Each structure stands twice: as C-alpha cells, then as structure tokens.
Amino acid sequence: MDKLAKEKIMKQTKPFEKCPVCGGELEEKEVEKLLKGGVHVATLKVKADVCLHCGERLYSQETVKLFEGIRKKLERKELANFQPIGQSFQVTA
C-alpha cells in the first residue's frame, strides 16, 4: 500500500492528526468521563484521543452516541442497568 493510500485510511479512522485546539500531538488513552442527566451522574471509562499539550479530548462518533444514550437514561431515571457506586452531595459555599 502506498503512502497516499495509508494517509487516506488514517483520515477515515481519525479525523484529526493534530489537536484542533492547539495543534499538539494526539495520543489514544483510556479516560474517565462523567455524564450528567437530570440529578444523576454516571462515570465510565472510554478511549479518547488526548492532546499531550492542552489535554483536549476527542471522542469517536460511536462514543458520543453512547454518551447521549446514557444521558437520556439518566434523565428518565432508567437506572436498572447502572451500578451504584456511592452518593453525591451538593455543598453551598
């Protein structure tokens, strides 16, 4: 496979070669994401391209769709498949 074909495939799988915010290098990492829906919060670990300079996270379209689904379930209080891990508290200063 020639260089142009490889670059074309890379662009299809990864939309950005550099960070769109600062131009820094991107590295795939497992990150923890907090999602809020209504009064509920969920945490999950997902893969993201993370900028090594500014920390910006870039998620795949599939991951963003997953986030949207989880937020909707949280808002509707459809929590049957979610595992409770503790309690959250709001503190007023």
C-alpha atoms as a PDB file:
ATOM      1  CA  MET A   1       0.000   0.000   0.000  1.00  0.00           C
ATOM      2  CA  ASP A   2       1.447   3.374  -0.957  1.00  0.00           C
ATOM      3  CA  LYS A   3       1.795   6.369   1.363  1.00  0.00           C
ATOM      4  CA  LEU A   4      -1.223   8.246  -0.034  1.00  0.00           C
ATOM      5  CA  ALA A   5      -3.497   5.235   0.466  1.00  0.00           C
ATOM      6  CA  LYS A   6      -2.318   4.877   4.080  1.00  0.00           C
ATOM      7  CA  GLU A   7      -2.933   8.580   4.743  1.00  0.00           C
ATOM      8  CA  LYS A   8      -6.435   8.306   3.278  1.00  0.00           C
ATOM      9  CA  ILE A   9      -7.245   5.352   5.556  1.00  0.00           C
ATOM     10  CA  MET A  10      -5.875   7.215   8.589  1.00  0.00           C
ATOM     11  CA  LYS A  11      -8.070  10.237   7.827  1.00  0.00           C
ATOM     12  CA  GLN A  12     -11.117   7.982   7.633  1.00  0.00           C
ATOM     13  CA  THR A  13     -10.442   6.426  11.039  1.00  0.00           C
ATOM     14  CA  LYS A  14      -9.023   9.526  12.786  1.00  0.00           C
ATOM     15  CA  PRO A  15     -10.432  12.873  11.689  1.00  0.00           C
ATOM     16  CA  PHE A  16      -7.569  14.857  13.244  1.00  0.00           C
ATOM     17  CA  GLU A  17      -3.840  14.276  13.035  1.00  0.00           C
ATOM     18  CA  LYS A  18      -3.151  17.158  15.451  1.00  0.00           C
ATOM     19  CA  CYS A  19      -5.193  18.784  18.202  1.00  0.00           C
ATOM     20  CA  PRO A  20      -7.786  21.137  16.641  1.00  0.00           C
ATOM     21  CA  VAL A  21      -7.458  23.468  19.652  1.00  0.00           C
ATOM     22  CA  CYS A  22      -3.686  23.960  19.949  1.00  0.00           C
ATOM     23  CA  GLY A  23      -2.047  21.836  17.231  1.00  0.00           C
ATOM     24  CA  GLY A  24      -0.441  19.487  19.766  1.00  0.00           C
ATOM     25  CA  GLU A  25       0.207  15.784  19.335  1.00  0.00           C
ATOM     26  CA  LEU A  26      -2.665  13.374  19.980  1.00  0.00           C
ATOM     27  CA  GLU A  27      -2.334  10.058  21.796  1.00  0.00           C
ATOM     28  CA  GLU A  28      -5.044   7.451  22.328  1.00  0.00           C
ATOM     29  CA  LYS A  29      -5.694   6.897  26.034  1.00  0.00           C
ATOM     30  CA  GLU A  30      -8.308   5.393  28.296  1.00  0.00           C
ATOM     31  CA  VAL A  31     -10.050   8.232  30.143  1.00  0.00           C
ATOM     32  CA  GLU A  32     -12.777   8.531  32.730  1.00  0.00           C
ATOM     33  CA  LYS A  33     -15.847  10.509  31.650  1.00  0.00           C
ATOM     34  CA  LEU A  34     -18.541  11.899  33.935  1.00  0.00           C
ATOM     35  CA  LEU A  35     -22.005  12.239  32.399  1.00  0.00           C
ATOM     36  CA  LYS A  36     -24.860  14.150  33.987  1.00  0.00           C
ATOM     37  CA  GLY A  37     -28.523  13.588  33.215  1.00  0.00           C
ATOM     38  CA  GLY A  38     -31.085  15.305  35.421  1.00  0.00           C
ATOM     39  CA  VAL A  39     -29.920  14.900  39.011  1.00  0.00           C
ATOM     40  CA  HIS A  40     -27.961  11.715  38.285  1.00  0.00           C
ATOM     41  CA  VAL A  41     -24.300  11.324  37.321  1.00  0.00           C
ATOM     42  CA  ALA A  42     -22.639   8.317  35.703  1.00  0.00           C
ATOM     43  CA  THR A  43     -18.960   7.573  35.283  1.00  0.00           C
ATOM     44  CA  LEU A  44     -17.423   5.355  32.625  1.00  0.00           C
ATOM     45  CA  LYS A  45     -14.046   4.621  31.094  1.00  0.00           C
ATOM     46  CA  VAL A  46     -13.686   5.100  27.336  1.00  0.00           C
ATOM     47  CA  LYS A  47     -10.951   5.559  24.755  1.00  0.00           C
ATOM     48  CA  ALA A  48     -10.219   9.071  23.510  1.00  0.00           C
ATOM     49  CA  ASP A  49      -7.532  10.870  21.576  1.00  0.00           C
ATOM     50  CA  VAL A  50      -5.970  13.200  24.153  1.00  0.00           C
ATOM     51  CA  CYS A  51      -3.779  16.178  23.303  1.00  0.00           C
ATOM     52  CA  LEU A  52      -0.421  15.856  25.018  1.00  0.00           C
ATOM     53  CA  HIS A  53      -0.125  19.671  25.160  1.00  0.00           C
ATOM     54  CA  CYS A  54      -3.507  21.072  26.243  1.00  0.00           C
ATOM     55  CA  GLY A  55      -5.395  17.951  27.372  1.00  0.00           C
ATOM     56  CA  GLU A  56      -8.278  18.324  24.890  1.00  0.00           C
ATOM     57  CA  ARG A  57     -10.169  15.036  24.445  1.00  0.00           C
ATOM     58  CA  LEU A  58     -11.516  13.883  21.100  1.00  0.00           C
ATOM     59  CA  TYR A  59     -14.110  11.095  21.127  1.00  0.00           C
ATOM     60  CA  SER A  60     -15.271   8.884  18.256  1.00  0.00           C
ATOM     61  CA  GLN A  61     -18.800   9.294  16.896  1.00  0.00           C
ATOM     62  CA  GLU A  62     -19.752   5.947  18.432  1.00  0.00           C
ATOM     63  CA  THR A  63     -18.562   7.089  21.860  1.00  0.00           C
ATOM     64  CA  VAL A  64     -20.501  10.357  21.593  1.00  0.00           C
ATOM     65  CA  LYS A  65     -23.655   8.380  20.710  1.00  0.00           C
ATOM     66  CA  LEU A  66     -23.030   6.193  23.763  1.00  0.00           C
ATOM     67  CA  PHE A  67     -22.787   9.349  25.915  1.00  0.00           C
ATOM     68  CA  GLU A  68     -26.093  10.639  24.511  1.00  0.00           C
ATOM     69  CA  GLY A  69     -27.853   7.350  25.283  1.00  0.00           C
ATOM     70  CA  ILE A  70     -26.552   7.270  28.839  1.00  0.00           C
ATOM     71  CA  ARG A  71     -27.591  10.889  29.454  1.00  0.00           C
ATOM     72  CA  LYS A  72     -31.120  10.145  28.231  1.00  0.00           C
ATOM     73  CA  LYS A  73     -31.359   7.120  30.549  1.00  0.00           C
ATOM     74  CA  LEU A  74     -30.152   9.211  33.481  1.00  0.00           C
ATOM     75  CA  GLU A  75     -32.712  11.941  32.738  1.00  0.00           C
ATOM     76  CA  ARG A  76     -35.538   9.351  32.509  1.00  0.00           C
ATOM     77  CA  LYS A  77     -34.305   7.630  35.689  1.00  0.00           C
ATOM     78  CA  GLU A  78     -33.842   4.366  33.778  1.00  0.00           C
ATOM     79  CA  LEU A  79     -31.137   3.173  36.167  1.00  0.00           C
ATOM     80  CA  ALA A  80     -31.792  -0.589  36.278  1.00  0.00           C
ATOM     81  CA  ASN A  81     -28.601  -1.481  34.367  1.00  0.00           C
ATOM     82  CA  PHE A  82     -26.413   1.042  36.213  1.00  0.00           C
ATOM     83  CA  GLN A  83     -24.335   0.009  39.217  1.00  0.00           C
ATOM     84  CA  PRO A  84     -24.499   2.411  42.179  1.00  0.00           C
ATOM     85  CA  ILE A  85     -21.043   3.346  43.473  1.00  0.00           C
ATOM     86  CA  GLY A  86     -21.849   5.846  46.214  1.00  0.00           C
ATOM     87  CA  GLN A  87     -23.669   9.108  46.799  1.00  0.00           C
ATOM     88  CA  SER A  88     -23.163  12.635  45.560  1.00  0.00           C
ATOM     89  CA  PHE A  89     -23.641  15.753  47.649  1.00  0.00           C
ATOM     90  CA  GLN A  90     -24.042  19.407  46.770  1.00  0.00           C
ATOM     91  CA  VAL A  91     -22.351  21.855  49.105  1.00  0.00           C
ATOM     92  CA  THR A  92     -23.262  25.525  49.165  1.00  0.00           C
ATOM     93  CA  ALA A  93     -20.472  27.916  49.953  1.00  0.00           C
END
